[in-house]
C-alpha atoms as a PDB file:
ATOM      1  CA  MET A   1      85.917 109.102 100.843  1.00  0.00           C
ATOM      2  CA  GLY A   2      87.744 110.574 103.959  1.00  0.00           C
ATOM      3  CA  TRP A   3      91.041 111.787 102.242  1.00  0.00           C
ATOM      4  CA  PHE A   4      87.990 113.812  99.833  1.00  0.00           C
ATOM      5  CA  GLY A   5      87.705 117.743 100.181  1.00  0.00           C
ATOM      6  CA  SER A   6      84.853 119.913 100.777  1.00  0.00           C
ATOM      7  CA  ARG A   7      81.160 119.141  99.653  1.00  0.00           C
ATOM      8  CA  SER A   8      80.065 121.447  97.198  1.00  0.00           C
ATOM      9  CA  ARG A   9      76.617 121.737  94.993  1.00  0.00           C
ATOM     10  CA  ARG A  10      76.662 121.151  91.561  1.00  0.00           C
ATOM     11  CA  GLU A  11      74.055 122.896  88.644  1.00  0.00           C
ATOM     12  CA  GLY A  12      71.935 119.832  87.196  1.00  0.00           C
ATOM     13  CA  VAL A  13      72.754 116.004  88.945  1.00  0.00           C
ATOM     14  CA  PRO A  14      74.238 114.234  85.878  1.00  0.00           C
ATOM     15  CA  ILE A  15      72.490 111.963  83.677  1.00  0.00           C
ATOM     16  CA  GLU A  16      75.096 109.721  82.197  1.00  0.00           C
ATOM     17  CA  PRO A  17      73.822 106.282  82.168  1.00  0.00           C
ATOM     18  CA  ALA A  18      76.881 105.008  83.673  1.00  0.00           C
ATOM     19  CA  LEU A  19      76.637 106.787  86.659  1.00  0.00           C
ATOM     20  CA  LEU A  20      72.919 106.723  87.364  1.00  0.00           C
ATOM     21  CA  ALA A  21      74.184 102.382  87.228  1.00  0.00           C
ATOM     22  CA  ALA A  22      76.667 102.934  89.353  1.00  0.00           C
ATOM     23  CA  ALA A  23      74.549 105.281  91.978  1.00  0.00           C
ATOM     24  CA  ALA A  24      71.901 102.540  91.702  1.00  0.00           C
ATOM     25  CA  GLU A  25      73.856  99.783  92.747  1.00  0.00           C
ATOM     26  CA  ASN A  26      75.536 102.063  96.097  1.00  0.00           C
ATOM     27  CA  PRO A  27      72.527 104.021  97.969  1.00  0.00           C
ATOM     28  CA  GLY A  28      73.463 106.110 100.318  1.00  0.00           C
ATOM     29  CA  GLY A  29      77.122 105.757  99.126  1.00  0.00           C
ATOM     30  CA  SER A  30      79.251 107.758  96.324  1.00  0.00           C
ATOM     31  CA  VAL A  31      80.323 107.247  93.041  1.00  0.00           C
ATOM     32  CA  ALA A  32      83.803 108.116  92.094  1.00  0.00           C
ATOM     33  CA  GLU A  33      84.690 110.285  88.910  1.00  0.00           C
ATOM     34  CA  ILE A  34      87.661 108.839  87.107  1.00  0.00           C
ATOM     35  CA  ASP A  35      89.342 111.111  84.955  1.00  0.00           C
ATOM     36  CA  SER A  36      90.342 109.501  81.629  1.00  0.00           C
ATOM     37  CA  THR A  37      93.237 111.394  81.220  1.00  0.00           C
ATOM     38  CA  TYR A  38      94.975 109.160  83.332  1.00  0.00           C
ATOM     39  CA  VAL A  39      93.091 105.807  83.335  1.00  0.00           C
ATOM     40  CA  ASP A  40      91.887 103.978  80.426  1.00  0.00           C
ATOM     41  CA  ASP A  41      89.563 101.517  82.653  1.00  0.00           C
ATOM     42  CA  PRO A  42      87.808 102.704  85.050  1.00  0.00           C
ATOM     43  CA  ASN A  43      86.957  98.886  86.289  1.00  0.00           C
ATOM     44  CA  GLY A  44      90.616  98.080  87.388  1.00  0.00           C
ATOM     45  CA  TYR A  45      92.902  99.517  89.777  1.00  0.00           C
ATOM     46  CA  VAL A  46      92.247 103.296  90.050  1.00  0.00           C
ATOM     47  CA  PRO A  47      95.551 105.413  91.349  1.00  0.00           C
ATOM     48  CA  PRO A  48      93.912 107.891  93.747  1.00  0.00           C
ATOM     49  CA  GLU A  49      94.876 110.953  91.917  1.00  0.00           C
ATOM     50  CA  ALA A  50      93.267 109.712  89.043  1.00  0.00           C
ATOM     51  CA  ILE A  51      90.044 110.171  90.622  1.00  0.00           C
ATOM     52  CA  ARG A  52      88.387 113.918  90.073  1.00  0.00           C
ATOM     53  CA  GLY A  53      85.820 113.468  92.753  1.00  0.00           C
ATOM     54  CA  ALA A  54      82.737 111.942  94.098  1.00  0.00           C
ATOM     55  CA  TRP A  55      78.877 112.228  93.815  1.00  0.00           C
ATOM     56  CA  LEU A  56      76.899 111.495  96.562  1.00  0.00           C
ATOM     57  CA  VAL A  57      74.565 108.838  96.882  1.00  0.00           C
ATOM     58  CA  ASP A  58      70.639 109.711  98.218  1.00  0.00           C
ATOM     59  CA  SER A  59      68.954 106.323 100.591  1.00  0.00           C
ATOM     60  CA  SER A  60      66.908 105.520  97.112  1.00  0.00           C
ATOM     61  CA  GLY A  61      69.983 105.248  94.707  1.00  0.00           C
ATOM     62  CA  LYS A  62      70.302 108.238  93.443  1.00  0.00           C
ATOM     63  CA  PRO A  63      72.463 111.477  93.124  1.00  0.00           C
ATOM     64  CA  THR A  64      71.853 114.015  95.239  1.00  0.00           C
ATOM     65  CA  GLY A  65      73.805 116.398  93.406  1.00  0.00           C
ATOM     66  CA  GLU A  66      76.465 117.034  96.220  1.00  0.00           C
ATOM     67  CA  TYR A  67      80.154 116.461  95.058  1.00  0.00           C
ATOM     68  CA  GLN A  68      82.960 116.099  97.064  1.00  0.00           C
ATOM     69  CA  GLU A  69      86.548 117.162  94.771  1.00  0.00           C
ATOM     70  CA  ASN A  70      89.537 115.428  95.526  1.00  0.00           C
ATOM     71  CA  PRO A  71      92.714 117.510  96.483  1.00  0.00           C
ATOM     72  CA  ARG A  72      94.438 114.894  95.336  1.00  0.00           C
ATOM     73  CA  HIS A  73      93.687 115.027  91.839  1.00  0.00           C
ATOM     74  CA  GLY A  74      96.183 115.499  89.374  1.00  0.00           C
ATOM     75  CA  VAL A  75      99.239 113.511  87.379  1.00  0.00           C
ATOM     76  CA  PRO A  76      99.398 109.719  89.376  1.00  0.00           C
ATOM     77  CA  GLN A  77     103.026 109.830  91.313  1.00  0.00           C
ATOM     78  CA  ASP A  78     104.954 107.117  92.657  1.00  0.00           C
ATOM     79  CA  ASP A  79     104.396 105.963  96.473  1.00  0.00           C
ATOM     80  CA  PHE A  80     107.070 103.694  97.775  1.00  0.00           C
ATOM     81  CA  SER A  81     106.803 104.499 100.983  1.00  0.00           C
ATOM     82  CA  ARG A  82     105.495 100.305 101.821  1.00  0.00           C
ATOM     83  CA  LEU A  83     108.939  99.654 101.086  1.00  0.00           C
ATOM     84  CA  THR A  84     111.091 102.105 102.541  1.00  0.00           C
ATOM     85  CA  GLY A  85     108.382 103.330 105.702  1.00  0.00           C
ATOM     86  CA  PRO A  86     109.105  99.763 107.751  1.00  0.00           C
ATOM     87  CA  ASP A  87     112.038  99.348 110.098  1.00  0.00           C
ATOM     88  CA  HIS A  88     113.704  96.956 107.960  1.00  0.00           C
ATOM     89  CA  TRP A  89     117.351  96.867 106.698  1.00  0.00           C
ATOM     90  CA  LEU A  90     117.430  97.633 102.636  1.00  0.00           C
ATOM     91  CA  GLY A  91     121.268  98.969 102.849  1.00  0.00           C
ATOM     92  CA  TRP A  92     121.752  95.455 100.168  1.00  0.00           C
ATOM     93  CA  LEU A  93     119.662  97.885  97.985  1.00  0.00           C
ATOM     94  CA  GLY A  94     122.141 100.975  97.330  1.00  0.00           C
ATOM     95  CA  ASP A  95     121.868 104.767  98.890  1.00  0.00           C
ATOM     96  CA  ASP A  96     117.578 104.871  97.318  1.00  0.00           C
ATOM     97  CA  PRO A  97     116.245 101.877  97.536  1.00  0.00           C
ATOM     98  CA  ALA A  98     112.732 103.694  96.074  1.00  0.00           C
ATOM     99  CA  ILE A  99     114.957 104.249  92.735  1.00  0.00           C
ATOM    100  CA  ALA A 100     116.611 100.670  92.950  1.00  0.00           C
ATOM    101  CA  VAL A 101     113.200  99.214  92.404  1.00  0.00           C
ATOM    102  CA  ARG A 102     111.762 100.985  90.168  1.00  0.00           C
ATOM    103  CA  GLU A 103     114.524 100.811  87.642  1.00  0.00           C
ATOM    104  CA  GLY A 104     114.296  96.855  88.636  1.00  0.00           C
ATOM    105  CA  ILE A 105     110.609  97.074  87.704  1.00  0.00           C
ATOM    106  CA  GLU A 106     111.072  99.782  84.535  1.00  0.00           C
ATOM    107  CA  GLU A 107     114.311  96.713  83.567  1.00  0.00           C
ATOM    108  CA  SER A 108     112.451  93.882  83.539  1.00  0.00           C
ATOM    109  CA  LEU A 109     108.966  95.276  81.690  1.00  0.00           C
ATOM    110  CA  ARG A 110     111.996  96.887  79.066  1.00  0.00           C
ATOM    111  CA  ALA A 111     113.151  92.844  79.222  1.00  0.00           C
ATOM    112  CA  GLN A 112     110.275  92.555  77.386  1.00  0.00           C
ATOM    113  CA  VAL A 113     109.775  95.175  74.913  1.00  0.00           C
ATOM    114  CA  ALA A 114     112.721  97.856  74.828  1.00  0.00           C
ATOM    115  CA  ASP A 115     110.926 100.921  74.594  1.00  0.00           C
ATOM    116  CA  ALA A 116     108.546 100.514  77.887  1.00  0.00           C
ATOM    117  CA  VAL A 117     108.267 103.629  80.107  1.00  0.00           C
ATOM    118  CA  VAL A 118     107.147 103.642  83.642  1.00  0.00           C
ATOM    119  CA  GLU A 119     104.723 106.129  84.018  1.00  0.00           C
ATOM    120  CA  TRP A 120     104.337 105.508  87.697  1.00  0.00           C
ATOM    121  CA  VAL A 121     104.697 103.102  90.567  1.00  0.00           C
ATOM    122  CA  LYS A 122     102.938 102.280  93.685  1.00  0.00           C
ATOM    123  CA  ILE A 123     103.985  99.286  96.024  1.00  0.00           C
ATOM    124  CA  LEU A 124     100.544  98.373  97.120  1.00  0.00           C
ATOM    125  CA  GLU A 125     101.476  96.870 100.579  1.00  0.00           C
ATOM    126  CA  THR A 126     104.761  96.066 103.489  1.00  0.00           C
ATOM    127  CA  PRO A 127     106.451  93.366 100.983  1.00  0.00           C
ATOM    128  CA  ARG A 128     108.019  90.029 102.353  1.00  0.00           C
ATOM    129  CA  PHE A 129     112.003  90.738 102.874  1.00  0.00           C
ATOM    130  CA  LEU A 130     114.025  88.287 103.816  1.00  0.00           C
ATOM    131  CA  THR A 131     117.623  88.865 105.216  1.00  0.00           C
ATOM    132  CA  GLY A 132     120.359  86.195 105.856  1.00  0.00           C
ATOM    133  CA  GLY A 133     123.393  86.074 107.475  1.00  0.00           C
ATOM    134  CA  ARG A 134     126.710  84.290 108.812  1.00  0.00           C
ATOM    135  CA  ARG A 135     128.861  85.135 111.753  1.00  0.00           C
ATOM    136  CA  ARG A 136     132.816  86.329 110.975  1.00  0.00           C
ATOM    137  CA  SER A 137     134.072  83.971 113.355  1.00  0.00           C
ATOM    138  CA  GLU A 138     132.835  81.499 116.017  1.00  0.00           C
ATOM    139  CA  ASP A 139     133.549  83.482 118.794  1.00  0.00           C
ATOM    140  CA  ASP A 140     132.580  86.814 117.227  1.00  0.00           C
ATOM    141  CA  GLN A 141     128.953  88.228 117.765  1.00  0.00           C
ATOM    142  CA  VAL A 142     129.120  90.831 114.737  1.00  0.00           C
ATOM    143  CA  MET A 143     126.511  89.217 111.642  1.00  0.00           C
ATOM    144  CA  LEU A 144     127.622  89.333 108.197  1.00  0.00           C
ATOM    145  CA  VAL A 145     124.821  89.867 105.586  1.00  0.00           C
ATOM    146  CA  THR A 146     125.127  87.179 103.297  1.00  0.00           C
ATOM    147  CA  ARG A 147     121.690  86.988 101.118  1.00  0.00           C
ATOM    148  CA  ALA A 148     118.740  89.267 101.174  1.00  0.00           C
ATOM    149  CA  ALA A 149     115.396  89.587  99.311  1.00  0.00           C
ATOM    150  CA  LEU A 150     112.013  91.075  99.005  1.00  0.00           C
ATOM    151  CA  ALA A 151     108.890  90.588  97.084  1.00  0.00           C
ATOM    152  CA  ALA A 152     107.178  93.803  96.135  1.00  0.00           C
ATOM    153  CA  PRO A 153     102.973  93.441  95.353  1.00  0.00           C
ATOM    154  CA  PHE A 154     102.770  96.834  93.321  1.00  0.00           C
ATOM    155  CA  ALA A 155     100.645  98.869  90.399  1.00  0.00           C
ATOM    156  CA  LEU A 156     102.051 100.908  87.704  1.00  0.00           C
ATOM    157  CA  SER A 157     101.272 102.421  84.060  1.00  0.00           C
ATOM    158  CA  VAL A 158     103.766 101.565  81.663  1.00  0.00           C
ATOM    159  CA  ARG A 159     103.724 102.708  77.927  1.00  0.00           C
ATOM    160  CA  THR A 160     104.910 101.258  74.938  1.00  0.00           C
ATOM    161  CA  THR A 161     104.473 102.413  71.168  1.00  0.00           C
ATOM    162  CA  GLN A 162     102.740  99.393  70.285  1.00  0.00           C
ATOM    163  CA  HIS A 163     100.453  99.222  73.040  1.00  0.00           C
ATOM    164  CA  GLY A 164      99.856 102.569  74.579  1.00  0.00           C
ATOM    165  CA  ARG A 165      99.536 103.076  78.323  1.00  0.00           C
ATOM    166  CA  SER A 166      98.717  99.707  80.405  1.00  0.00           C
ATOM    167  CA  ILE A 167      98.117  99.317  84.153  1.00  0.00           C
ATOM    168  CA  LEU A 168      99.883  96.039  85.286  1.00  0.00           C
ATOM    169  CA  LEU A 169      99.280  94.253  89.009  1.00  0.00           C
ATOM    170  CA  GLY A 170     101.474  91.965  89.878  1.00  0.00           C
ATOM    171  CA  VAL A 171     104.685  91.416  92.351  1.00  0.00           C
ATOM    172  CA  PHE A 172     107.895  92.470  91.481  1.00  0.00           C
ATOM    173  CA  SER A 173     110.651  90.393  93.553  1.00  0.00           C
ATOM    174  CA  TRP A 174     114.281  90.530  93.973  1.00  0.00           C
ATOM    175  CA  ALA A 175     116.909  88.321  95.467  1.00  0.00           C
ATOM    176  CA  ALA A 176     120.907  89.157  95.852  1.00  0.00           C
ATOM    177  CA  VAL A 177     123.562  86.417  97.507  1.00  0.00           C
ATOM    178  CA  ASN A 178     127.507  86.471  97.957  1.00  0.00           C
ATOM    179  CA  LEU A 179     126.669  90.490  99.403  1.00  0.00           C
ATOM    180  CA  ALA A 180     129.735  89.773 101.935  1.00  0.00           C
ATOM    181  CA  SER A 181     131.792  89.591  98.871  1.00  0.00           C
ATOM    182  CA  PRO A 182     130.574  92.126  96.114  1.00  0.00           C
ATOM    183  CA  GLU A 183     133.202  90.772  93.711  1.00  0.00           C
ATOM    184  CA  ALA A 184     131.202  87.830  93.108  1.00  0.00           C
ATOM    185  CA  ARG A 185     127.537  89.698  93.991  1.00  0.00           C
ATOM    186  CA  LYS A 186     125.057  87.673  91.682  1.00  0.00           C
ATOM    187  CA  ASP A 187     121.417  89.586  91.832  1.00  0.00           C
ATOM    188  CA  ARG A 188     118.019  88.235  89.726  1.00  0.00           C
ATOM    189  CA  HIS A 189     114.266  89.937  89.566  1.00  0.00           C
ATOM    190  CA  TRP A 190     110.944  87.873  89.095  1.00  0.00           C
ATOM    191  CA  PHE A 191     108.234  89.828  87.268  1.00  0.00           C
ATOM    192  CA  ASP A 192     104.781  88.544  88.168  1.00  0.00           C
ATOM    193  CA  LEU A 193     101.807  89.432  86.906  1.00  0.00           C
ATOM    194  CA  GLY A 194      98.286  88.695  88.475  1.00  0.00           C
ATOM    195  CA  VAL A 195      99.742  87.078  91.667  1.00  0.00           C
ATOM    196  CA  GLY A 196      99.530  87.948  95.512  1.00  0.00           C
ATOM    197  CA  LEU A 197     101.603  88.684  97.854  1.00  0.00           C
ATOM    198  CA  ASP A 198     101.120  84.828  99.918  1.00  0.00           C
ATOM    199  CA  TRP A 199     101.954  83.303  96.684  1.00  0.00           C
ATOM    200  CA  ALA A 200     105.545  85.271  95.508  1.00  0.00           C
ATOM    201  CA  GLY A 201     105.989  85.179  99.881  1.00  0.00           C
ATOM    202  CA  GLU A 202     106.463  81.803  99.495  1.00  0.00           C
ATOM    203  CA  ARG A 203     108.651  80.876  96.701  1.00  0.00           C
ATOM    204  CA  LEU A 204     111.311  83.896  97.859  1.00  0.00           C
ATOM    205  CA  GLN A 205     113.395  81.660  99.912  1.00  0.00           C
ATOM    206  CA  GLU A 206     113.777  78.916  97.470  1.00  0.00           C
ATOM    207  CA  ARG A 207     114.826  81.767  94.931  1.00  0.00           C
ATOM    208  CA  ILE A 208     117.440  83.255  97.197  1.00  0.00           C
ATOM    209  CA  TYR A 209     118.909  79.607  97.112  1.00  0.00           C
ATOM    210  CA  GLU A 210     118.138  78.981  93.498  1.00  0.00           C
ATOM    211  CA  LEU A 211     120.286  81.906  92.604  1.00  0.00           C
ATOM    212  CA  ASP A 212     123.620  80.660  94.222  1.00  0.00           C
ATOM    213  CA  GLY A 213     122.771  76.469  94.166  1.00  0.00           C
ATOM    214  CA  GLU A 214     123.251  76.622  98.033  1.00  0.00           C
ATOM    215  CA  ASP A 215     121.676  74.007  99.921  1.00  0.00           C
ATOM    216  CA  GLY A 216     121.276  73.783 103.519  1.00  0.00           C
ATOM    217  CA  THR A 217     119.522  76.522 105.341  1.00  0.00           C
ATOM    218  CA  ALA A 218     120.879  80.580 106.246  1.00  0.00           C
ATOM    219  CA  ASP A 219     119.851  81.972 109.035  1.00  0.00           C
ATOM    220  CA  LEU A 220     116.790  84.138 108.036  1.00  0.00           C
END
């Protein structure tokens, strides 16, 4: 709750059964008020911006009447800071890695539902990265990057005409090979729902080799 704003006291203590039940389960804590404009299932993933604020709960599990506003409340926004923040080379993704990954995610969704529109994407953890290369010659210390891959855990909101809004959790993986020969470059995306980063990370190296059919070991 450290990112919430100042406390205020509201007229009347809320009596909604769901809020009172949640308060009873969190004595001494707080109960968040979710904005249904942005989230259909408050029991699933809730982006920080979709929280209006929180009711404080006393030690007996009852709302105190004190309320903390969330200064971040509003339309959920993309967050790729965990992708771009680490000091890892992402030049193979172009000038703007965040845009490249977002477009890759949207492309994966539209391959399944043509009119899918991504409302927001949040990268939830630092991705797993792989980078491999070779020396230009036996005596040359300069390395040429020949292959790279990443696995990025995400939460996102997508809208389709048939299904409306859905909030999805999973891992988006991207591998590219033949990076030293742009004319021969090959890329592939994997969009795995309901899996964790460890699962996707374990498959990243086999996927990067599956892409170009190589055997042996790269300098990863």
